[in-house]
PDB file of all heavy atoms in Angstrom:
ATOM      1  N   ALA A   1       1.521   5.729  14.674  1.00  0.00           N
ATOM      2  CA  ALA A   1       0.932   6.832  13.882  1.00  0.00           C
ATOM      3  C   ALA A   1       1.066   8.085  14.651  1.00  0.00           C
ATOM      4  O   ALA A   1       0.696   8.204  15.819  1.00  0.00           O
ATOM      5  CB  ALA A   1      -0.513   6.551  13.570  1.00  0.00           C
ATOM      6  N   TYR A   2       1.502   9.150  13.988  1.00  0.00           N
ATOM      7  CA  TYR A   2       1.570  10.463  14.640  1.00  0.00           C
ATOM      8  C   TYR A   2       0.950  11.453  13.683  1.00  0.00           C
ATOM      9  O   TYR A   2       1.394  11.528  12.486  1.00  0.00           O
ATOM     10  CB  TYR A   2       3.032  10.907  14.882  1.00  0.00           C
ATOM     11  CG  TYR A   2       3.713  10.125  15.982  1.00  0.00           C
ATOM     12  CD1 TYR A   2       4.483   9.036  15.710  1.00  0.00           C
ATOM     13  CD2 TYR A   2       3.477  10.454  17.316  1.00  0.00           C
ATOM     14  CE1 TYR A   2       5.081   8.265  16.746  1.00  0.00           C
ATOM     15  CE2 TYR A   2       4.046   9.747  18.350  1.00  0.00           C
ATOM     16  CZ  TYR A   2       4.847   8.653  18.045  1.00  0.00           C
ATOM     17  OH  TYR A   2       5.443   7.904  19.069  1.00  0.00           O
ATOM     18  N   THR A   3      -0.055  12.199  14.121  1.00  0.00           N
ATOM     19  CA  THR A   3      -0.748  13.119  13.297  1.00  0.00           C
ATOM     20  C   THR A   3       0.207  14.179  12.718  1.00  0.00           C
ATOM     21  O   THR A   3       0.051  14.602  11.624  1.00  0.00           O
ATOM     22  CB  THR A   3      -1.823  13.883  14.074  1.00  0.00           C
ATOM     23  OG1 THR A   3      -2.698  12.855  14.662  1.00  0.00           O
ATOM     24  CG2 THR A   3      -2.664  14.778  13.228  1.00  0.00           C
ATOM     25  N   GLU A   4       1.266  14.531  13.486  1.00  0.00           N
ATOM     26  CA  GLU A   4       2.131  15.634  13.102  1.00  0.00           C
ATOM     27  C   GLU A   4       2.978  15.222  11.877  1.00  0.00           C
ATOM     28  O   GLU A   4       3.510  16.088  11.212  1.00  0.00           O
ATOM     29  CB  GLU A   4       3.066  16.016  14.265  1.00  0.00           C
ATOM     30  CG  GLU A   4       2.372  16.473  15.480  1.00  0.00           C
ATOM     31  CD  GLU A   4       1.794  15.379  16.366  1.00  0.00           C
ATOM     32  OE1 GLU A   4       2.387  14.298  16.320  1.00  0.00           O
ATOM     33  OE2 GLU A   4       0.792  15.615  17.025  1.00  0.00           O
ATOM     34  N   GLN A   5       3.143  13.915  11.595  1.00  0.00           N
ATOM     35  CA  GLN A   5       3.976  13.506  10.500  1.00  0.00           C
ATOM     36  C   GLN A   5       3.229  13.708   9.161  1.00  0.00           C
ATOM     37  O   GLN A   5       2.072  13.366   9.034  1.00  0.00           O
ATOM     38  CB  GLN A   5       4.359  12.023  10.626  1.00  0.00           C
ATOM     39  CG  GLN A   5       5.280  11.752  11.746  1.00  0.00           C
ATOM     40  CD  GLN A   5       5.597  10.293  11.902  1.00  0.00           C
ATOM     41  OE1 GLN A   5       4.922   9.490  11.312  1.00  0.00           O
ATOM     42  NE2 GLN A   5       6.644   9.981  12.657  1.00  0.00           N
ATOM     43  N   ALA A   6       3.888  14.227   8.210  1.00  0.00           N
ATOM     44  CA  ALA A   6       3.327  14.511   6.907  1.00  0.00           C
ATOM     45  C   ALA A   6       3.489  13.266   5.978  1.00  0.00           C
ATOM     46  O   ALA A   6       2.791  13.123   5.008  1.00  0.00           O
ATOM     47  CB  ALA A   6       3.903  15.734   6.230  1.00  0.00           C
ATOM     48  N   SER A   7       4.507  12.481   6.305  1.00  0.00           N
ATOM     49  CA  SER A   7       4.755  11.357   5.358  1.00  0.00           C
ATOM     50  C   SER A   7       3.804  10.237   5.605  1.00  0.00           C
ATOM     51  O   SER A   7       3.126  10.088   6.571  1.00  0.00           O
ATOM     52  CB  SER A   7       6.159  10.871   5.609  1.00  0.00           C
ATOM     53  OG  SER A   7       6.355  10.406   6.891  1.00  0.00           O
ATOM     54  N   ALA A   8       3.758   9.313   4.611  1.00  0.00           N
ATOM     55  CA  ALA A   8       2.909   8.136   4.697  1.00  0.00           C
ATOM     56  C   ALA A   8       3.406   7.200   5.808  1.00  0.00           C
ATOM     57  O   ALA A   8       4.565   7.170   6.102  1.00  0.00           O
ATOM     58  CB  ALA A   8       2.880   7.433   3.357  1.00  0.00           C
ATOM     59  N   TRP A   9       2.509   6.447   6.318  1.00  0.00           N
ATOM     60  CA  TRP A   9       2.820   5.483   7.363  1.00  0.00           C
ATOM     61  C   TRP A   9       3.703   4.393   6.689  1.00  0.00           C
ATOM     62  O   TRP A   9       3.365   3.793   5.740  1.00  0.00           O
ATOM     63  CB  TRP A   9       1.508   4.887   7.841  1.00  0.00           C
ATOM     64  CG  TRP A   9       1.570   3.966   8.966  1.00  0.00           C
ATOM     65  CD1 TRP A   9       2.534   3.030   9.203  1.00  0.00           C
ATOM     66  CD2 TRP A   9       0.625   3.872  10.021  1.00  0.00           C
ATOM     67  NE1 TRP A   9       2.185   2.314  10.343  1.00  0.00           N
ATOM     68  CE2 TRP A   9       1.017   2.820  10.888  1.00  0.00           C
ATOM     69  CE3 TRP A   9      -0.457   4.613  10.321  1.00  0.00           C
ATOM     70  CZ2 TRP A   9       0.368   2.535  12.027  1.00  0.00           C
ATOM     71  CZ3 TRP A   9      -1.153   4.295  11.487  1.00  0.00           C
ATOM     72  CH2 TRP A   9      -0.717   3.285  12.298  1.00  0.00           C
ATOM     73  N   PRO A  10       4.927   4.152   7.293  1.00  0.00           N
ATOM     74  CA  PRO A  10       5.758   3.173   6.627  1.00  0.00           C
ATOM     75  C   PRO A  10       5.192   1.763   6.676  1.00  0.00           C
ATOM     76  O   PRO A  10       4.744   1.324   7.745  1.00  0.00           O
ATOM     77  CB  PRO A  10       7.069   3.228   7.441  1.00  0.00           C
ATOM     78  CG  PRO A  10       6.838   4.233   8.529  1.00  0.00           C
ATOM     79  CD  PRO A  10       5.487   4.725   8.431  1.00  0.00           C
ATOM     80  N   GLN A  11       5.180   1.091   5.596  1.00  0.00           N
ATOM     81  CA  GLN A  11       4.734  -0.315   5.558  1.00  0.00           C
ATOM     82  C   GLN A  11       5.139  -0.908   4.244  1.00  0.00           C
ATOM     83  O   GLN A  11       5.378  -0.237   3.227  1.00  0.00           O
ATOM     84  CB  GLN A  11       3.227  -0.374   5.754  1.00  0.00           C
ATOM     85  CG  GLN A  11       2.351   0.105   4.609  1.00  0.00           C
ATOM     86  CD  GLN A  11       0.952  -0.116   4.890  1.00  0.00           C
ATOM     87  OE1 GLN A  11       0.504  -0.027   5.974  1.00  0.00           O
ATOM     88  NE2 GLN A  11       0.182  -0.448   3.862  1.00  0.00           N
ATOM     89  N   ALA A  12       5.228  -2.209   4.305  1.00  0.00           N
ATOM     90  CA  ALA A  12       5.529  -2.987   3.083  1.00  0.00           C
ATOM     91  C   ALA A  12       4.288  -3.122   2.241  1.00  0.00           C
ATOM     92  O   ALA A  12       3.209  -3.343   2.748  1.00  0.00           O
ATOM     93  CB  ALA A  12       6.141  -4.356   3.415  1.00  0.00           C
ATOM     94  N   ALA A  13       4.427  -2.992   0.922  1.00  0.00           N
ATOM     95  CA  ALA A  13       3.291  -3.201   0.036  1.00  0.00           C
ATOM     96  C   ALA A  13       3.055  -4.698  -0.106  1.00  0.00           C
ATOM     97  O   ALA A  13       3.936  -5.456  -0.479  1.00  0.00           O
ATOM     98  CB  ALA A  13       3.572  -2.579  -1.315  1.00  0.00           C
ATOM     99  N   LEU A  14       1.886  -5.133   0.250  1.00  0.00           N
ATOM    100  CA  LEU A  14       1.532  -6.511   0.154  1.00  0.00           C
ATOM    101  C   LEU A  14       0.369  -6.663  -0.918  1.00  0.00           C
ATOM    102  O   LEU A  14      -0.503  -5.874  -0.905  1.00  0.00           O
ATOM    103  CB  LEU A  14       1.056  -7.071   1.442  1.00  0.00           C
ATOM    104  CG  LEU A  14       2.001  -7.064   2.607  1.00  0.00           C
ATOM    105  CD1 LEU A  14       1.357  -7.491   3.903  1.00  0.00           C
ATOM    106  CD2 LEU A  14       3.200  -7.981   2.316  1.00  0.00           C
ATOM    107  N   PRO A  15       0.458  -7.684  -1.755  1.00  0.00           N
ATOM    108  CA  PRO A  15      -0.634  -7.891  -2.690  1.00  0.00           C
ATOM    109  C   PRO A  15      -1.946  -8.044  -2.051  1.00  0.00           C
ATOM    110  O   PRO A  15      -2.051  -8.796  -1.029  1.00  0.00           O
ATOM    111  CB  PRO A  15      -0.228  -9.161  -3.424  1.00  0.00           C
ATOM    112  CG  PRO A  15       1.178  -9.458  -3.054  1.00  0.00           C
ATOM    113  CD  PRO A  15       1.444  -8.719  -1.801  1.00  0.00           C
ATOM    114  N   GLY A  16      -2.972  -7.390  -2.505  1.00  0.00           N
ATOM    115  CA  GLY A  16      -4.350  -7.519  -1.966  1.00  0.00           C
ATOM    116  C   GLY A  16      -4.582  -6.750  -0.668  1.00  0.00           C
ATOM    117  O   GLY A  16      -5.558  -6.945  -0.041  1.00  0.00           O
ATOM    118  N   VAL A  17      -3.601  -5.864  -0.306  1.00  0.00           N
ATOM    119  CA  VAL A  17      -3.767  -5.155   0.983  1.00  0.00           C
ATOM    120  C   VAL A  17      -3.607  -3.637   0.698  1.00  0.00           C
ATOM    121  O   VAL A  17      -2.604  -3.197   0.031  1.00  0.00           O
ATOM    122  CB  VAL A  17      -2.595  -5.560   1.943  1.00  0.00           C
ATOM    123  CG1 VAL A  17      -2.758  -4.738   3.221  1.00  0.00           C
ATOM    124  CG2 VAL A  17      -2.743  -7.010   2.281  1.00  0.00           C
ATOM    125  N   PRO A  18      -4.606  -2.815   1.063  1.00  0.00           N
ATOM    126  CA  PRO A  18      -4.480  -1.373   0.887  1.00  0.00           C
ATOM    127  C   PRO A  18      -3.308  -0.854   1.684  1.00  0.00           C
ATOM    128  O   PRO A  18      -2.989  -1.300   2.773  1.00  0.00           O
ATOM    129  CB  PRO A  18      -5.815  -0.825   1.446  1.00  0.00           C
ATOM    130  CG  PRO A  18      -6.720  -2.014   1.550  1.00  0.00           C
ATOM    131  CD  PRO A  18      -5.875  -3.232   1.719  1.00  0.00           C
ATOM    132  N   THR A  19      -2.649   0.202   1.105  1.00  0.00           N
ATOM    133  CA  THR A  19      -1.558   0.818   1.835  1.00  0.00           C
ATOM    134  C   THR A  19      -2.052   2.108   2.516  1.00  0.00           C
ATOM    135  O   THR A  19      -2.768   2.948   1.869  1.00  0.00           O
ATOM    136  CB  THR A  19      -0.469   1.208   0.782  1.00  0.00           C
ATOM    137  OG1 THR A  19      -0.104   0.050   0.084  1.00  0.00           O
ATOM    138  CG2 THR A  19       0.760   1.819   1.454  1.00  0.00           C
ATOM    139  N   VAL A  20      -1.696   2.288   3.744  1.00  0.00           N
ATOM    140  CA  VAL A  20      -2.113   3.506   4.490  1.00  0.00           C
ATOM    141  C   VAL A  20      -1.252   4.667   4.066  1.00  0.00           C
ATOM    142  O   VAL A  20      -0.031   4.630   4.057  1.00  0.00           O
ATOM    143  CB  VAL A  20      -1.877   3.300   6.036  1.00  0.00           C
ATOM    144  CG1 VAL A  20      -2.327   4.528   6.800  1.00  0.00           C
ATOM    145  CG2 VAL A  20      -2.650   2.073   6.512  1.00  0.00           C
ATOM    146  N   ASN A  21      -1.937   5.785   3.644  1.00  0.00           N
ATOM    147  CA  ASN A  21      -1.234   6.966   3.177  1.00  0.00           C
ATOM    148  C   ASN A  21      -1.356   8.121   4.186  1.00  0.00           C
ATOM    149  O   ASN A  21      -0.495   8.970   4.259  1.00  0.00           O
ATOM    150  CB  ASN A  21      -1.792   7.469   1.858  1.00  0.00           C
ATOM    151  CG  ASN A  21      -1.472   6.512   0.748  1.00  0.00           C
ATOM    152  OD1 ASN A  21      -0.432   5.863   0.738  1.00  0.00           O
ATOM    153  ND2 ASN A  21      -2.364   6.415  -0.172  1.00  0.00           N
ATOM    154  N   LYS A  22      -2.518   8.203   4.919  1.00  0.00           N
ATOM    155  CA  LYS A  22      -2.758   9.294   5.812  1.00  0.00           C
ATOM    156  C   LYS A  22      -3.396   8.713   7.108  1.00  0.00           C
ATOM    157  O   LYS A  22      -4.390   7.936   7.048  1.00  0.00           O
ATOM    158  CB  LYS A  22      -3.642  10.311   5.228  1.00  0.00           C
ATOM    159  CG  LYS A  22      -4.097  11.382   6.108  1.00  0.00           C
ATOM    160  CD  LYS A  22      -5.080  12.337   5.473  1.00  0.00           C
ATOM    161  CE  LYS A  22      -5.614  13.364   6.480  1.00  0.00           C
ATOM    162  NZ  LYS A  22      -6.768  14.134   5.883  1.00  0.00           N
ATOM    163  N   VAL A  23      -2.908   9.064   8.244  1.00  0.00           N
ATOM    164  CA  VAL A  23      -3.407   8.640   9.524  1.00  0.00           C
ATOM    165  C   VAL A  23      -3.866   9.829  10.351  1.00  0.00           C
ATOM    166  O   VAL A  23      -3.095  10.843  10.394  1.00  0.00           O
ATOM    167  CB  VAL A  23      -2.394   7.851  10.311  1.00  0.00           C
ATOM    168  CG1 VAL A  23      -2.858   7.526  11.713  1.00  0.00           C
ATOM    169  CG2 VAL A  23      -1.979   6.565   9.579  1.00  0.00           C
ATOM    170  N   VAL A  24      -5.035   9.811  10.863  1.00  0.00           N
ATOM    171  CA  VAL A  24      -5.568  10.884  11.747  1.00  0.00           C
ATOM    172  C   VAL A  24      -5.791  10.239  13.134  1.00  0.00           C
ATOM    173  O   VAL A  24      -6.496   9.254  13.217  1.00  0.00           O
ATOM    174  CB  VAL A  24      -6.806  11.544  11.188  1.00  0.00           C
ATOM    175  CG1 VAL A  24      -7.438  12.518  12.191  1.00  0.00           C
ATOM    176  CG2 VAL A  24      -6.563  12.199   9.853  1.00  0.00           C
ATOM    177  N   ASN A  25      -5.199  10.759  14.146  1.00  0.00           N
ATOM    178  CA  ASN A  25      -5.296  10.190  15.481  1.00  0.00           C
ATOM    179  C   ASN A  25      -6.578  10.773  16.194  1.00  0.00           C
ATOM    180  O   ASN A  25      -6.911  11.938  16.060  1.00  0.00           O
ATOM    181  CB  ASN A  25      -4.092  10.529  16.314  1.00  0.00           C
ATOM    182  CG  ASN A  25      -2.862   9.880  15.733  1.00  0.00           C
ATOM    183  OD1 ASN A  25      -2.798   8.698  15.540  1.00  0.00           O
ATOM    184  ND2 ASN A  25      -1.883  10.688  15.471  1.00  0.00           N
ATOM    185  N   PRO A  26      -7.216   9.973  17.039  1.00  0.00           N
ATOM    186  CA  PRO A  26      -8.285  10.437  17.875  1.00  0.00           C
ATOM    187  C   PRO A  26      -7.757  11.371  18.929  1.00  0.00           C
ATOM    188  O   PRO A  26      -6.614  11.257  19.344  1.00  0.00           O
ATOM    189  CB  PRO A  26      -8.921   9.166  18.443  1.00  0.00           C
ATOM    190  CG  PRO A  26      -7.798   8.265  18.511  1.00  0.00           C
ATOM    191  CD  PRO A  26      -6.876   8.540  17.295  1.00  0.00           C
ATOM    192  N   THR A  27      -8.597  12.203  19.434  1.00  0.00           N
ATOM    193  CA  THR A  27      -8.238  13.110  20.581  1.00  0.00           C
ATOM    194  C   THR A  27      -9.207  12.914  21.705  1.00  0.00           C
ATOM    195  O   THR A  27     -10.341  12.480  21.490  1.00  0.00           O
ATOM    196  CB  THR A  27      -8.237  14.573  20.149  1.00  0.00           C
ATOM    197  OG1 THR A  27      -9.540  14.906  19.668  1.00  0.00           O
ATOM    198  CG2 THR A  27      -7.204  14.842  19.079  1.00  0.00           C
ATOM    199  N   GLY A  28      -8.770  13.171  22.905  1.00  0.00           N
ATOM    200  CA  GLY A  28      -9.613  13.180  24.079  1.00  0.00           C
ATOM    201  C   GLY A  28     -10.063  11.767  24.524  1.00  0.00           C
ATOM    202  O   GLY A  28     -11.116  11.698  25.182  1.00  0.00           O
ATOM    203  N   LEU A  29      -9.323  10.723  24.240  1.00  0.00           N
ATOM    204  CA  LEU A  29      -9.691   9.425  24.689  1.00  0.00           C
ATOM    205  C   LEU A  29      -9.372   9.278  26.171  1.00  0.00           C
ATOM    206  O   LEU A  29      -8.285   9.704  26.627  1.00  0.00           O
ATOM    207  CB  LEU A  29      -9.014   8.314  23.896  1.00  0.00           C
ATOM    208  CG  LEU A  29      -9.357   8.229  22.447  1.00  0.00           C
ATOM    209  CD1 LEU A  29      -8.544   7.165  21.744  1.00  0.00           C
ATOM    210  CD2 LEU A  29     -10.845   7.984  22.252  1.00  0.00           C
ATOM    211  N   PRO A  30     -10.182   8.586  26.949  1.00  0.00           N
ATOM    212  CA  PRO A  30      -9.890   8.404  28.366  1.00  0.00           C
ATOM    213  C   PRO A  30      -8.682   7.576  28.565  1.00  0.00           C
ATOM    214  O   PRO A  30      -8.385   6.621  27.798  1.00  0.00           O
ATOM    215  CB  PRO A  30     -11.141   7.656  28.924  1.00  0.00           C
ATOM    216  CG  PRO A  30     -12.204   7.950  27.916  1.00  0.00           C
ATOM    217  CD  PRO A  30     -11.540   8.114  26.572  1.00  0.00           C
TER     218      PRO A  30
END
């Protein structure tokens, strides 16, 4: 996941599984 990317996170659509559309990365982790 890269915050700078505007496109959806690539993944295969699986029945019964939500598809990730937007990812926000944490900042300042040790």
